[in-house]
Amino acid sequence: MTKKQTELTALIGARLRMHRRLQRMSQRDLSLKSGVRHTYISDIELGTRPNVSISTVKKLCDSLLITVDSLLY
């Protein structure tokens, strides 16, 4: 993974965590709502999941009632 990819992965993870916490949801709560395993969500938030599909990101964003753009910009 390139440095730029690593930075983007970390940014997405940090923003996902921020939005989840703002809504006072646990990773398990988000998992139940989105259908994405809580361990996968944890990996995304920690920046250790390098290739997250757009469909997974969309499920998470829909569950948090945010746009995909809010994780990128």
Protein backbone atom coordinates (compact mmCIF):
# COMPACT_ATOMS: atom_id res chain seq x y z
CA MET A 1 0.00 0.00 0.00
CA THR A 2 1.36 3.43 -0.90
CA LYS A 3 1.70 6.25 1.58
CA LYS A 4 -1.23 8.08 -0.01
CA GLN A 5 -3.44 4.96 0.25
CA THR A 6 -2.43 4.52 3.88
CA GLU A 7 -3.32 8.13 4.65
CA LEU A 8 -6.72 7.81 2.95
CA THR A 9 -7.47 4.57 4.81
CA ALA A 10 -6.59 6.23 8.13
CA LEU A 11 -8.71 9.29 7.28
CA ILE A 12 -11.77 7.20 6.41
CA GLY A 13 -11.37 5.18 9.59
CA ALA A 14 -11.00 8.23 11.81
CA ARG A 15 -14.02 9.93 10.28
CA LEU A 16 -16.12 6.79 10.51
CA ARG A 17 -15.27 6.52 14.21
CA MET A 18 -16.06 10.21 14.76
CA HIS A 19 -19.50 9.96 13.12
CA ARG A 20 -20.29 6.73 14.95
CA ARG A 21 -19.37 8.23 18.31
CA LEU A 22 -21.30 11.42 17.59
CA GLN A 23 -24.38 9.23 17.27
CA ARG A 24 -23.43 7.39 20.47
CA MET A 25 -23.27 4.06 18.69
CA SER A 26 -20.97 1.20 19.55
CA GLN A 27 -19.26 -0.79 16.82
CA ARG A 28 -21.70 -3.61 17.59
CA ASP A 29 -24.67 -1.24 17.22
CA LEU A 30 -23.37 -0.11 13.84
CA SER A 31 -22.72 -3.72 12.89
CA LEU A 32 -26.30 -4.73 13.65
CA LYS A 33 -27.69 -1.75 11.78
CA SER A 34 -25.45 -2.08 8.70
CA GLY A 35 -24.90 -5.82 8.43
CA VAL A 36 -21.11 -5.32 8.48
CA ARG A 37 -19.19 -7.43 11.03
CA HIS A 38 -18.04 -5.43 14.07
CA THR A 39 -14.50 -6.77 13.64
CA TYR A 40 -14.47 -5.40 10.10
CA ILE A 41 -15.68 -2.01 11.37
CA SER A 42 -12.91 -2.07 13.98
CA ASP A 43 -10.31 -2.79 11.28
CA ILE A 44 -11.61 0.11 9.17
CA GLU A 45 -11.50 2.51 12.13
CA LEU A 46 -7.98 1.41 13.03
CA GLY A 47 -6.83 1.84 9.44
CA THR A 48 -5.75 -1.79 9.16
CA ARG A 49 -8.26 -2.72 6.46
CA PRO A 50 -6.64 -1.52 3.23
CA ASN A 51 -9.29 -2.43 0.64
CA VAL A 52 -12.75 -1.49 1.83
CA SER A 53 -15.35 -1.78 -0.91
CA ILE A 54 -17.52 1.18 -1.78
CA SER A 55 -20.60 -0.95 -1.09
CA THR A 56 -19.41 -1.54 2.49
CA VAL A 57 -18.68 2.16 2.96
CA LYS A 58 -22.14 2.95 1.60
CA LYS A 59 -23.81 0.52 4.03
CA LEU A 60 -21.99 2.10 6.95
CA CYS A 61 -22.79 5.63 5.82
CA ASP A 62 -26.45 4.81 5.24
CA SER A 63 -26.64 3.33 8.74
CA LEU A 64 -25.13 6.49 10.20
CA LEU A 65 -27.34 8.72 8.02
CA ILE A 66 -24.30 10.43 6.48
CA THR A 67 -22.98 10.74 2.94
CA VAL A 68 -19.92 8.94 1.64
CA ASP A 69 -18.47 12.40 0.92
CA SER A 70 -18.46 13.15 4.65
CA LEU A 71 -15.82 10.42 5.10
CA LEU A 72 -13.64 11.78 2.31
CA TYR A 73 -13.77 15.57 2.66
